[in-house]
């Protein structure tokens, strides 16, 4: 259940980020991007709250997984839909975030916090 909620949260965050970027590209779309993006972004926080409720003993892990995953997937989506190339340093940063998520999640199963 937690994995499904996190996946939905990440998807909604990515959609919100893409719509906000889309809206910022042309002045006439600014408010459209803002409002439509927030139709996905704001409700996604309800999913994060549900995950916090399910993982009561590990709020730090939920934060790491939720924000880390939405950051990683939003970066990849932005690069795909608004073509850009990652530098080596950016790739290393994304990999570091991914490793941090794995380490944080592993700490939860080991009884951390």
PDB file of N, CA and C in Angstrom:
ATOM      1  N   UNK A   1       0.821  -1.202   0.000  1.00  0.00           N
ATOM      2  CA  UNK A   1       0.000   0.000   0.000  1.00  0.00           C
ATOM      3  C   UNK A   1       0.863   1.264   0.000  1.00  0.00           C
ATOM      4  N   UNK A   2       1.927   1.242   0.822  1.00  0.00           N
ATOM      5  CA  UNK A   2       2.817   2.403   0.895  1.00  0.00           C
ATOM      6  C   UNK A   2       3.458   2.661  -0.464  1.00  0.00           C
ATOM      7  N   UNK A   3       3.916   1.602  -1.121  1.00  0.00           N
ATOM      8  CA  UNK A   3       4.573   1.758  -2.422  1.00  0.00           C
ATOM      9  C   UNK A   3       3.604   2.349  -3.455  1.00  0.00           C
ATOM     10  N   UNK A   4       2.365   1.905  -3.438  1.00  0.00           N
ATOM     11  CA  UNK A   4       1.361   2.427  -4.369  1.00  0.00           C
ATOM     12  C   UNK A   4       1.085   3.907  -4.105  1.00  0.00           C
ATOM     13  N   UNK A   5       0.954   4.265  -2.848  1.00  0.00           N
ATOM     14  CA  UNK A   5       0.717   5.669  -2.491  1.00  0.00           C
ATOM     15  C   UNK A   5       1.906   6.542  -2.875  1.00  0.00           C
ATOM     16  N   UNK A   6       3.111   6.043  -2.634  1.00  0.00           N
ATOM     17  CA  UNK A   6       4.301   6.812  -3.022  1.00  0.00           C
ATOM     18  C   UNK A   6       4.373   6.980  -4.533  1.00  0.00           C
ATOM     19  N   UNK A   7       4.069   5.923  -5.278  1.00  0.00           N
ATOM     20  CA  UNK A   7       4.094   6.013  -6.741  1.00  0.00           C
ATOM     21  C   UNK A   7       3.072   7.033  -7.241  1.00  0.00           C
ATOM     22  N   UNK A   8       1.891   7.035  -6.654  1.00  0.00           N
ATOM     23  CA  UNK A   8       0.873   8.014  -7.035  1.00  0.00           C
ATOM     24  C   UNK A   8       1.320   9.422  -6.675  1.00  0.00           C
ATOM     25  N   UNK A   9       1.927   9.579  -5.496  1.00  0.00           N
ATOM     26  CA  UNK A   9       2.450  10.886  -5.083  1.00  0.00           C
ATOM     27  C   UNK A   9       3.501  11.375  -6.077  1.00  0.00           C
ATOM     28  N   UNK A  10       4.452  10.497  -6.409  1.00  0.00           N
ATOM     29  CA  UNK A  10       5.490  10.882  -7.356  1.00  0.00           C
ATOM     30  C   UNK A  10       4.901  11.279  -8.703  1.00  0.00           C
ATOM     31  N   UNK A  11       3.942  10.495  -9.197  1.00  0.00           N
ATOM     32  CA  UNK A  11       3.319  10.796 -10.492  1.00  0.00           C
ATOM     33  C   UNK A  11       2.624  12.152 -10.465  1.00  0.00           C
ATOM     34  N   UNK A  12       1.891  12.406  -9.400  1.00  0.00           N
ATOM     35  CA  UNK A  12       1.180  13.695  -9.307  1.00  0.00           C
ATOM     36  C   UNK A  12       2.159  14.855  -9.188  1.00  0.00           C
ATOM     37  N   UNK A  13       3.251  14.666  -8.472  1.00  0.00           N
ATOM     38  CA  UNK A  13       4.259  15.713  -8.351  1.00  0.00           C
ATOM     39  C   UNK A  13       4.933  15.987  -9.694  1.00  0.00           C
ATOM     40  N   UNK A  14       5.208  14.931 -10.449  1.00  0.00           N
ATOM     41  CA  UNK A  14       5.828  15.089 -11.766  1.00  0.00           C
ATOM     42  C   UNK A  14       4.875  15.821 -12.707  1.00  0.00           C
ATOM     43  N   UNK A  15       3.619  15.432 -12.710  1.00  0.00           N
ATOM     44  CA  UNK A  15       2.632  16.107 -13.566  1.00  0.00           C
ATOM     45  C   UNK A  15       2.539  17.579 -13.186  1.00  0.00           C
ATOM     46  N   UNK A  16       2.505  17.870 -11.903  1.00  0.00           N
ATOM     47  CA  UNK A  16       2.438  19.269 -11.448  1.00  0.00           C
ATOM     48  C   UNK A  16       3.662  20.044 -11.921  1.00  0.00           C
ATOM     49  N   UNK A  17       4.837  19.469 -11.778  1.00  0.00           N
ATOM     50  CA  UNK A  17       6.062  20.153 -12.197  1.00  0.00           C
ATOM     51  C   UNK A  17       6.065  20.411 -13.697  1.00  0.00           C
ATOM     52  N   UNK A  18       5.639  19.413 -14.481  1.00  0.00           N
ATOM     53  CA  UNK A  18       5.603  19.588 -15.932  1.00  0.00           C
ATOM     54  C   UNK A  18       4.614  20.676 -16.338  1.00  0.00           C
ATOM     55  N   UNK A  19       3.455  20.696 -15.702  1.00  0.00           N
ATOM     56  CA  UNK A  19       2.457  21.713 -16.038  1.00  0.00           C
ATOM     57  C   UNK A  19       2.912  23.106 -15.638  1.00  0.00           C
ATOM     58  N   UNK A  20       3.565  23.223 -14.512  1.00  0.00           N
ATOM     59  CA  UNK A  20       4.059  24.537 -14.084  1.00  0.00           C
ATOM     60  C   UNK A  20       5.160  25.013 -15.022  1.00  0.00           C
ATOM     61  N   UNK A  21       6.041  24.111 -15.438  1.00  0.00           N
ATOM     62  CA  UNK A  21       7.070  24.477 -16.421  1.00  0.00           C
ATOM     63  C   UNK A  21       6.432  24.849 -17.750  1.00  0.00           C
ATOM     64  N   UNK A  22       5.467  24.072 -18.180  1.00  0.00           N
ATOM     65  CA  UNK A  22       4.749  24.363 -19.430  1.00  0.00           C
ATOM     66  C   UNK A  22       4.114  25.751 -19.367  1.00  0.00           C
ATOM     67  N   UNK A  23       3.495  26.064 -18.250  1.00  0.00           N
ATOM     68  CA  UNK A  23       2.853  27.365 -18.094  1.00  0.00           C
ATOM     69  C   UNK A  23       3.835  28.519 -18.064  1.00  0.00           C
ATOM     70  N   UNK A  24       5.034  28.270 -17.600  1.00  0.00           N
ATOM     71  CA  UNK A  24       6.014  29.355 -17.503  1.00  0.00           C
ATOM     72  C   UNK A  24       6.706  29.641 -18.828  1.00  0.00           C
ATOM     73  N   UNK A  25       6.529  28.789 -19.812  1.00  0.00           N
ATOM     74  CA  UNK A  25       7.223  28.943 -21.091  1.00  0.00           C
ATOM     75  C   UNK A  25       6.647  30.069 -21.945  1.00  0.00           C
ATOM     76  N   UNK A  26       5.373  30.347 -21.805  1.00  0.00           N
ATOM     77  CA  UNK A  26       4.703  31.368 -22.612  1.00  0.00           C
ATOM     78  C   UNK A  26       3.870  32.239 -21.671  1.00  0.00           C
ATOM     79  N   UNK A  27       4.003  33.567 -21.752  1.00  0.00           N
ATOM     80  CA  UNK A  27       3.253  34.426 -20.815  1.00  0.00           C
ATOM     81  C   UNK A  27       1.752  34.163 -20.770  1.00  0.00           C
ATOM     82  N   UNK A  28       1.117  33.840 -21.868  1.00  0.00           N
ATOM     83  CA  UNK A  28      -0.322  33.599 -21.889  1.00  0.00           C
ATOM     84  C   UNK A  28      -0.749  32.329 -21.170  1.00  0.00           C
ATOM     85  N   UNK A  29       0.196  31.447 -20.893  1.00  0.00           N
ATOM     86  CA  UNK A  29      -0.128  30.186 -20.212  1.00  0.00           C
ATOM     87  C   UNK A  29       0.247  30.195 -18.740  1.00  0.00           C
ATOM     88  N   UNK A  30       0.787  31.308 -18.266  1.00  0.00           N
ATOM     89  CA  UNK A  30       1.328  31.352 -16.910  1.00  0.00           C
ATOM     90  C   UNK A  30       0.300  30.911 -15.880  1.00  0.00           C
ATOM     91  N   UNK A  31      -0.861  31.539 -15.845  1.00  0.00           N
ATOM     92  CA  UNK A  31      -1.884  31.196 -14.841  1.00  0.00           C
ATOM     93  C   UNK A  31      -2.468  29.811 -15.068  1.00  0.00           C
ATOM     94  N   UNK A  32      -2.602  29.420 -16.355  1.00  0.00           N
ATOM     95  CA  UNK A  32      -3.104  28.077 -16.645  1.00  0.00           C
ATOM     96  C   UNK A  32      -2.155  27.020 -16.075  1.00  0.00           C
ATOM     97  N   UNK A  33      -0.877  27.178 -16.315  1.00  0.00           N
ATOM     98  CA  UNK A  33       0.103  26.236 -15.787  1.00  0.00           C
ATOM     99  C   UNK A  33       0.097  26.195 -14.268  1.00  0.00           C
ATOM    100  N   UNK A  34      -0.034  27.371 -13.666  1.00  0.00           N
ATOM    101  CA  UNK A  34      -0.062  27.457 -12.206  1.00  0.00           C
ATOM    102  C   UNK A  34      -1.281  26.742 -11.627  1.00  0.00           C
ATOM    103  N   UNK A  35      -2.442  27.067 -12.142  1.00  0.00           N
ATOM    104  CA  UNK A  35      -3.671  26.479 -11.593  1.00  0.00           C
ATOM    105  C   UNK A  35      -3.800  24.987 -11.895  1.00  0.00           C
ATOM    106  N   UNK A  36      -3.565  24.605 -13.139  1.00  0.00           N
ATOM    107  CA  UNK A  36      -3.703  23.186 -13.483  1.00  0.00           C
ATOM    108  C   UNK A  36      -2.615  22.363 -12.787  1.00  0.00           C
ATOM    109  N   UNK A  37      -1.410  22.906 -12.726  1.00  0.00           N
ATOM    110  CA  UNK A  37      -0.340  22.212 -12.013  1.00  0.00           C
ATOM    111  C   UNK A  37      -0.689  21.976 -10.558  1.00  0.00           C
ATOM    112  N   UNK A  38      -1.303  22.959  -9.943  1.00  0.00           N
ATOM    113  CA  UNK A  38      -1.666  22.814  -8.537  1.00  0.00           C
ATOM    114  C   UNK A  38      -2.881  21.921  -8.330  1.00  0.00           C
ATOM    115  N   UNK A  39      -3.637  21.650  -9.378  1.00  0.00           N
ATOM    116  CA  UNK A  39      -4.708  20.654  -9.261  1.00  0.00           C
ATOM    117  C   UNK A  39      -4.118  19.265  -9.011  1.00  0.00           C
ATOM    118  N   UNK A  40      -2.884  19.069  -9.433  1.00  0.00           N
ATOM    119  CA  UNK A  40      -2.195  17.803  -9.180  1.00  0.00           C
ATOM    120  C   UNK A  40      -1.273  17.898  -7.964  1.00  0.00           C
ATOM    121  N   UNK A  41      -0.568  19.003  -7.838  1.00  0.00           N
ATOM    122  CA  UNK A  41       0.416  19.140  -6.769  1.00  0.00           C
ATOM    123  C   UNK A  41      -0.181  19.217  -5.382  1.00  0.00           C
ATOM    124  N   UNK A  42      -1.195  20.044  -5.208  1.00  0.00           N
ATOM    125  CA  UNK A  42      -1.775  20.207  -3.872  1.00  0.00           C
ATOM    126  C   UNK A  42      -2.424  18.913  -3.352  1.00  0.00           C
ATOM    127  N   UNK A  43      -3.260  18.242  -4.135  1.00  0.00           N
ATOM    128  CA  UNK A  43      -3.860  17.000  -3.623  1.00  0.00           C
ATOM    129  C   UNK A  43      -2.847  15.873  -3.394  1.00  0.00           C
ATOM    130  N   UNK A  44      -1.712  15.940  -4.073  1.00  0.00           N
ATOM    131  CA  UNK A  44      -0.707  14.901  -3.857  1.00  0.00           C
ATOM    132  C   UNK A  44      -0.226  14.906  -2.410  1.00  0.00           C
ATOM    133  N   UNK A  45      -0.314  16.037  -1.747  1.00  0.00           N
ATOM    134  CA  UNK A  45       0.098  16.113  -0.350  1.00  0.00           C
ATOM    135  C   UNK A  45      -0.798  15.264   0.545  1.00  0.00           C
ATOM    136  N   UNK A  46      -2.030  15.046   0.129  1.00  0.00           N
ATOM    137  CA  UNK A  46      -2.907  14.141   0.887  1.00  0.00           C
ATOM    138  C   UNK A  46      -2.370  12.716   0.855  1.00  0.00           C
ATOM    139  N   UNK A  47      -1.795  12.333  -0.277  1.00  0.00           N
ATOM    140  CA  UNK A  47      -1.187  11.005  -0.370  1.00  0.00           C
ATOM    141  C   UNK A  47       0.025  10.905   0.554  1.00  0.00           C
ATOM    142  N   UNK A  48       0.828  11.966   0.579  1.00  0.00           N
ATOM    143  CA  UNK A  48       1.986  11.973   1.478  1.00  0.00           C
ATOM    144  C   UNK A  48       1.527  11.867   2.928  1.00  0.00           C
ATOM    145  N   UNK A  49       0.451  12.552   3.273  1.00  0.00           N
ATOM    146  CA  UNK A  49      -0.071  12.475   4.641  1.00  0.00           C
ATOM    147  C   UNK A  49      -0.513  11.058   4.974  1.00  0.00           C
ATOM    148  N   UNK A  50      -1.112  10.370   4.003  1.00  0.00           N
ATOM    149  CA  UNK A  50      -1.538   8.987   4.220  1.00  0.00           C
ATOM    150  C   UNK A  50      -0.320   8.088   4.467  1.00  0.00           C
ATOM    151  N   UNK A  51       0.755   8.310   3.703  1.00  0.00           N
ATOM    152  CA  UNK A  51       1.969   7.518   3.904  1.00  0.00           C
ATOM    153  C   UNK A  51       2.553   7.801   5.287  1.00  0.00           C
ATOM    154  N   UNK A  52       2.560   9.075   5.694  1.00  0.00           N
ATOM    155  CA  UNK A  52       3.017   9.399   7.058  1.00  0.00           C
ATOM    156  C   UNK A  52       2.195   8.628   8.090  1.00  0.00           C
ATOM    157  N   UNK A  53       0.890   8.557   7.876  1.00  0.00           N
ATOM    158  CA  UNK A  53       0.026   7.835   8.800  1.00  0.00           C
ATOM    159  C   UNK A  53       0.302   6.342   8.843  1.00  0.00           C
ATOM    160  N   UNK A  54       0.645   5.771   7.692  1.00  0.00           N
ATOM    161  CA  UNK A  54       0.933   4.338   7.631  1.00  0.00           C
ATOM    162  C   UNK A  54       2.311   3.993   8.207  1.00  0.00           C
ATOM    163  N   UNK A  55       3.226   4.939   8.132  1.00  0.00           N
ATOM    164  CA  UNK A  55       4.595   4.703   8.618  1.00  0.00           C
ATOM    165  C   UNK A  55       4.886   5.620   9.805  1.00  0.00           C
ATOM    166  N   UNK A  56       4.057   5.555  10.806  1.00  0.00           N
ATOM    167  CA  UNK A  56       4.134   6.455  11.955  1.00  0.00           C
ATOM    168  C   UNK A  56       5.519   6.516  12.601  1.00  0.00           C
ATOM    169  N   UNK A  57       6.194   5.404  12.677  1.00  0.00           N
ATOM    170  CA  UNK A  57       7.479   5.350  13.368  1.00  0.00           C
ATOM    171  C   UNK A  57       8.634   5.891  12.519  1.00  0.00           C
ATOM    172  N   UNK A  58       8.371   6.184  11.238  1.00  0.00           N
ATOM    173  CA  UNK A  58       9.466   6.559  10.349  1.00  0.00           C
ATOM    174  C   UNK A  58       9.162   7.803   9.515  1.00  0.00           C
ATOM    175  N   UNK A  59       8.853   8.951  10.125  1.00  0.00           N
ATOM    176  CA  UNK A  59       8.554  10.135   9.316  1.00  0.00           C
ATOM    177  C   UNK A  59       9.749  10.597   8.491  1.00  0.00           C
ATOM    178  N   UNK A  60      10.966  10.379   8.996  1.00  0.00           N
ATOM    179  CA  UNK A  60      12.155  10.766   8.237  1.00  0.00           C
ATOM    180  C   UNK A  60      12.299   9.940   6.960  1.00  0.00           C
ATOM    181  N   UNK A  61      11.910   8.675   7.020  1.00  0.00           N
ATOM    182  CA  UNK A  61      11.986   7.811   5.837  1.00  0.00           C
ATOM    183  C   UNK A  61      10.933   8.242   4.817  1.00  0.00           C
ATOM    184  N   UNK A  62       9.736   8.545   5.292  1.00  0.00           N
ATOM    185  CA  UNK A  62       8.684   9.009   4.383  1.00  0.00           C
ATOM    186  C   UNK A  62       9.137  10.281   3.673  1.00  0.00           C
ATOM    187  N   UNK A  63       9.709  11.209   4.417  1.00  0.00           N
ATOM    188  CA  UNK A  63      10.184  12.454   3.810  1.00  0.00           C
ATOM    189  C   UNK A  63      11.258  12.172   2.765  1.00  0.00           C
ATOM    190  N   UNK A  64      12.198  11.291   3.090  1.00  0.00           N
ATOM    191  CA  UNK A  64      13.268  10.963   2.143  1.00  0.00           C
ATOM    192  C   UNK A  64      12.715  10.324   0.872  1.00  0.00           C
ATOM    193  N   UNK A  65      11.804   9.390   1.033  1.00  0.00           N
ATOM    194  CA  UNK A  65      11.256   8.700  -0.132  1.00  0.00           C
ATOM    195  C   UNK A  65      10.336   9.597  -0.955  1.00  0.00           C
ATOM    196  N   UNK A  66       9.467  10.341  -0.282  1.00  0.00           N
ATOM    197  CA  UNK A  66       8.506  11.176  -1.003  1.00  0.00           C
ATOM    198  C   UNK A  66       9.202  12.307  -1.750  1.00  0.00           C
ATOM    199  N   UNK A  67       9.996  13.090  -1.047  1.00  0.00           N
ATOM    200  CA  UNK A  67      10.622  14.235  -1.706  1.00  0.00           C
ATOM    201  C   UNK A  67      11.767  13.810  -2.620  1.00  0.00           C
ATOM    202  N   UNK A  68      12.526  12.801  -2.197  1.00  0.00           N
ATOM    203  CA  UNK A  68      13.610  12.326  -3.047  1.00  0.00           C
ATOM    204  C   UNK A  68      13.091  11.743  -4.351  1.00  0.00           C
ATOM    205  N   UNK A  69      12.052  10.919  -4.256  1.00  0.00           N
ATOM    206  CA  UNK A  69      11.483  10.318  -5.461  1.00  0.00           C
ATOM    207  C   UNK A  69      10.851  11.334  -6.390  1.00  0.00           C
ATOM    208  N   UNK A  70      10.115  12.278  -5.823  1.00  0.00           N
ATOM    209  CA  UNK A  70       9.492  13.289  -6.690  1.00  0.00           C
ATOM    210  C   UNK A  70      10.565  14.153  -7.347  1.00  0.00           C
ATOM    211  N   UNK A  71      11.654  14.450  -6.625  1.00  0.00           N
ATOM    212  CA  UNK A  71      12.759  15.197  -7.214  1.00  0.00           C
ATOM    213  C   UNK A  71      13.387  14.425  -8.369  1.00  0.00           C
ATOM    214  N   UNK A  72      13.719  13.162  -8.133  1.00  0.00           N
ATOM    215  CA  UNK A  72      14.360  12.356  -9.178  1.00  0.00           C
ATOM    216  C   UNK A  72      13.483  12.215 -10.412  1.00  0.00           C
ATOM    217  N   UNK A  73      12.226  11.830 -10.199  1.00  0.00           N
ATOM    218  CA  UNK A  73      11.349  11.612 -11.343  1.00  0.00           C
ATOM    219  C   UNK A  73      11.006  12.910 -12.068  1.00  0.00           C
ATOM    220  N   UNK A  74      10.888  14.004 -11.337  1.00  0.00           N
ATOM    221  CA  UNK A  74      10.634  15.299 -11.985  1.00  0.00           C
ATOM    222  C   UNK A  74      11.835  15.720 -12.829  1.00  0.00           C
ATOM    223  N   UNK A  75      13.039  15.480 -12.332  1.00  0.00           N
ATOM    224  CA  UNK A  75      14.239  15.801 -13.109  1.00  0.00           C
ATOM    225  C   UNK A  75      14.272  15.014 -14.418  1.00  0.00           C
ATOM    226  N   UNK A  76      13.984  13.730 -14.322  1.00  0.00           N
ATOM    227  CA  UNK A  76      13.995  12.888 -15.517  1.00  0.00           C
ATOM    228  C   UNK A  76      12.891  13.293 -16.493  1.00  0.00           C
ATOM    229  N   UNK A  77      11.713  13.603 -15.978  1.00  0.00           N
ATOM    230  CA  UNK A  77      10.604  14.029 -16.842  1.00  0.00           C
ATOM    231  C   UNK A  77      10.912  15.358 -17.513  1.00  0.00           C
ATOM    232  N   UNK A  78      11.495  16.277 -16.775  1.00  0.00           N
ATOM    233  CA  UNK A  78      11.848  17.582 -17.359  1.00  0.00           C
ATOM    234  C   UNK A  78      12.860  17.396 -18.490  1.00  0.00           C
ATOM    235  N   UNK A  79      13.845  16.553 -18.255  1.00  0.00           N
ATOM    236  CA  UNK A  79      14.858  16.316 -19.287  1.00  0.00           C
ATOM    237  C   UNK A  79      14.244  15.654 -20.516  1.00  0.00           C
ATOM    238  N   UNK A  80      13.240  14.826 -20.313  1.00  0.00           N
ATOM    239  CA  UNK A  80      12.596  14.141 -21.438  1.00  0.00           C
ATOM    240  C   UNK A  80      11.668  15.079 -22.219  1.00  0.00           C
ATOM    241  N   UNK A  81      10.789  15.776 -21.513  1.00  0.00           N
ATOM    242  CA  UNK A  81       9.779  16.603 -22.183  1.00  0.00           C
ATOM    243  C   UNK A  81      10.295  17.974 -22.603  1.00  0.00           C
ATOM    244  N   UNK A  82      11.314  18.472 -21.933  1.00  0.00           N
ATOM    245  CA  UNK A  82      11.924  19.750 -22.276  1.00  0.00           C
ATOM    246  C   UNK A  82      13.412  19.470 -22.462  1.00  0.00           C
ATOM    247  N   UNK A  83      13.750  18.891 -23.620  1.00  0.00           N
ATOM    248  CA  UNK A  83      15.078  18.310 -23.820  1.00  0.00           C
ATOM    249  C   UNK A  83      16.240  19.159 -23.289  1.00  0.00           C
ATOM    250  N   UNK A  84      16.999  18.501 -22.455  1.00  0.00           N
ATOM    251  CA  UNK A  84      18.231  19.068 -21.926  1.00  0.00           C
ATOM    252  C   UNK A  84      19.141  17.906 -21.567  1.00  0.00           C
ATOM    253  N   UNK A  85      20.394  18.199 -21.444  1.00  0.00           N
ATOM    254  CA  UNK A  85      21.364  17.156 -21.126  1.00  0.00           C
ATOM    255  C   UNK A  85      21.870  17.365 -19.707  1.00  0.00           C
ATOM    256  N   UNK A  86      21.998  16.273 -18.993  1.00  0.00           N
ATOM    257  CA  UNK A  86      22.571  16.333 -17.654  1.00  0.00           C
ATOM    258  C   UNK A  86      24.096  16.391 -17.755  1.00  0.00           C
ATOM    259  N   UNK A  87      24.705  17.156 -16.866  1.00  0.00           N
ATOM    260  CA  UNK A  87      26.166  17.139 -16.760  1.00  0.00           C
ATOM    261  C   UNK A  87      26.555  15.948 -15.883  1.00  0.00           C
ATOM    262  N   UNK A  88      27.826  15.637 -15.869  1.00  0.00           N
ATOM    263  CA  UNK A  88      28.306  14.541 -15.037  1.00  0.00           C
ATOM    264  C   UNK A  88      28.001  14.831 -13.569  1.00  0.00           C
ATOM    265  N   UNK A  89      28.188  16.076 -13.153  1.00  0.00           N
ATOM    266  CA  UNK A  89      27.913  16.444 -11.762  1.00  0.00           C
ATOM    267  C   UNK A  89      26.428  16.280 -11.434  1.00  0.00           C
ATOM    268  N   UNK A  90      25.558  16.623 -12.373  1.00  0.00           N
ATOM    269  CA  UNK A  90      24.126  16.461 -12.137  1.00  0.00           C
ATOM    270  C   UNK A  90      23.743  14.990 -12.048  1.00  0.00           C
ATOM    271  N   UNK A  91      24.327  14.176 -12.889  1.00  0.00           N
ATOM    272  CA  UNK A  91      24.068  12.734 -12.823  1.00  0.00           C
ATOM    273  C   UNK A  91      24.536  12.178 -11.486  1.00  0.00           C
ATOM    274  N   UNK A  92      25.699  12.621 -11.043  1.00  0.00           N
ATOM    275  CA  UNK A  92      26.208  12.180  -9.746  1.00  0.00           C
ATOM    276  C   UNK A  92      25.276  12.625  -8.624  1.00  0.00           C
ATOM    277  N   UNK A  93      24.737  13.825  -8.735  1.00  0.00           N
ATOM    278  CA  UNK A  93      23.794  14.309  -7.730  1.00  0.00           C
ATOM    279  C   UNK A  93      22.515  13.498  -7.703  1.00  0.00           C
ATOM    280  N   UNK A  94      21.980  13.176  -8.867  1.00  0.00           N
ATOM    281  CA  UNK A  94      20.779  12.354  -8.936  1.00  0.00           C
ATOM    282  C   UNK A  94      21.040  10.958  -8.373  1.00  0.00           C
ATOM    283  N   UNK A  95      22.190  10.402  -8.707  1.00  0.00           N
ATOM    284  CA  UNK A  95      22.539   9.080  -8.179  1.00  0.00           C
ATOM    285  C   UNK A  95      22.689   9.135  -6.661  1.00  0.00           C
ATOM    286  N   UNK A  96      23.261  10.211  -6.149  1.00  0.00           N
ATOM    287  CA  UNK A  96      23.424  10.362  -4.706  1.00  0.00           C
ATOM    288  C   UNK A  96      22.073  10.421  -4.005  1.00  0.00           C
ATOM    289  N   UNK A  97      21.129  11.147  -4.588  1.00  0.00           N
ATOM    290  CA  UNK A  97      19.782  11.202  -4.018  1.00  0.00           C
ATOM    291  C   UNK A  97      19.157   9.810  -4.027  1.00  0.00           C
ATOM    292  N   UNK A  98      19.291   9.089  -5.136  1.00  0.00           N
ATOM    293  CA  UNK A  98      18.746   7.739  -5.225  1.00  0.00           C
ATOM    294  C   UNK A  98      19.354   6.805  -4.191  1.00  0.00           C
ATOM    295  N   UNK A  99      20.657   6.868  -4.029  1.00  0.00           N
ATOM    296  CA  UNK A  99      21.320   6.038  -3.019  1.00  0.00           C
ATOM    297  C   UNK A  99      20.852   6.433  -1.626  1.00  0.00           C
ATOM    298  N   UNK A 100      20.694   7.718  -1.392  1.00  0.00           N
ATOM    299  CA  UNK A 100      20.203   8.185  -0.093  1.00  0.00           C
ATOM    300  C   UNK A 100      18.811   7.659   0.210  1.00  0.00           C
ATOM    301  N   UNK A 101      17.971   7.618  -0.798  1.00  0.00           N
ATOM    302  CA  UNK A 101      16.624   7.064  -0.607  1.00  0.00           C
ATOM    303  C   UNK A 101      16.694   5.598  -0.213  1.00  0.00           C
ATOM    304  N   UNK A 102      17.547   4.851  -0.887  1.00  0.00           N
ATOM    305  CA  UNK A 102      17.691   3.423  -0.585  1.00  0.00           C
ATOM    306  C   UNK A 102      18.217   3.243   0.842  1.00  0.00           C
ATOM    307  N   UNK A 103      19.201   4.036   1.217  1.00  0.00           N
ATOM    308  CA  UNK A 103      19.761   3.936   2.557  1.00  0.00           C
ATOM    309  C   UNK A 103      18.734   4.316   3.626  1.00  0.00           C
ATOM    310  N   UNK A 104      17.950   5.360   3.364  1.00  0.00           N
ATOM    311  CA  UNK A 104      16.923   5.776   4.311  1.00  0.00           C
ATOM    312  C   UNK A 104      15.851   4.695   4.453  1.00  0.00           C
ATOM    313  N   UNK A 105      15.441   4.118   3.342  1.00  0.00           N
ATOM    314  CA  UNK A 105      14.427   3.061   3.387  1.00  0.00           C
ATOM    315  C   UNK A 105      14.964   1.821   4.098  1.00  0.00           C
ATOM    316  N   UNK A 106      16.235   1.502   3.889  1.00  0.00           N
ATOM    317  CA  UNK A 106      16.834   0.360   4.564  1.00  0.00           C
ATOM    318  C   UNK A 106      16.904   0.557   6.067  1.00  0.00           C
ATOM    319  N   UNK A 107      17.082   1.803   6.492  1.00  0.00           N
ATOM    320  CA  UNK A 107      17.102   2.107   7.918  1.00  0.00           C
ATOM    321  C   UNK A 107      15.769   1.848   8.573  1.00  0.00           C
ATOM    322  N   UNK A 108      14.681   2.008   7.819  1.00  0.00           N
ATOM    323  CA  UNK A 108      13.339   1.766   8.373  1.00  0.00           C
ATOM    324  C   UNK A 108      13.139   0.277   8.635  1.00  0.00           C
ATOM    325  N   UNK A 109      13.595  -0.554   7.713  1.00  0.00           N
ATOM    326  CA  UNK A 109      13.394  -1.984   7.895  1.00  0.00           C
ATOM    327  C   UNK A 109      14.297  -2.555   8.993  1.00  0.00           C
ATOM    328  N   UNK A 110      15.393  -1.839   9.299  1.00  0.00           N
ATOM    329  CA  UNK A 110      16.316  -2.294  10.336  1.00  0.00           C
ATOM    330  C   UNK A 110      15.900  -1.810  11.715  1.00  0.00           C
ATOM    331  N   UNK A 111      14.767  -1.115  11.789  1.00  0.00           N
ATOM    332  CA  UNK A 111      14.265  -0.657  13.070  1.00  0.00           C
ATOM    333  C   UNK A 111      14.819   0.685  13.485  1.00  0.00           C
ATOM    334  N   UNK A 112      15.352   1.456  12.547  1.00  0.00           N
ATOM    335  CA  UNK A 112      15.870   2.785  12.864  1.00  0.00           C
ATOM    336  C   UNK A 112      14.767   3.727  13.289  1.00  0.00           C
ATOM    337  N   UNK A 113      15.140   4.829  13.953  1.00  0.00           N
ATOM    338  CA  UNK A 113      14.245   5.898  14.437  1.00  0.00           C
ATOM    339  C   UNK A 113      13.521   5.432  15.651  1.00  0.00           C
TER     340      UNK A 113
END
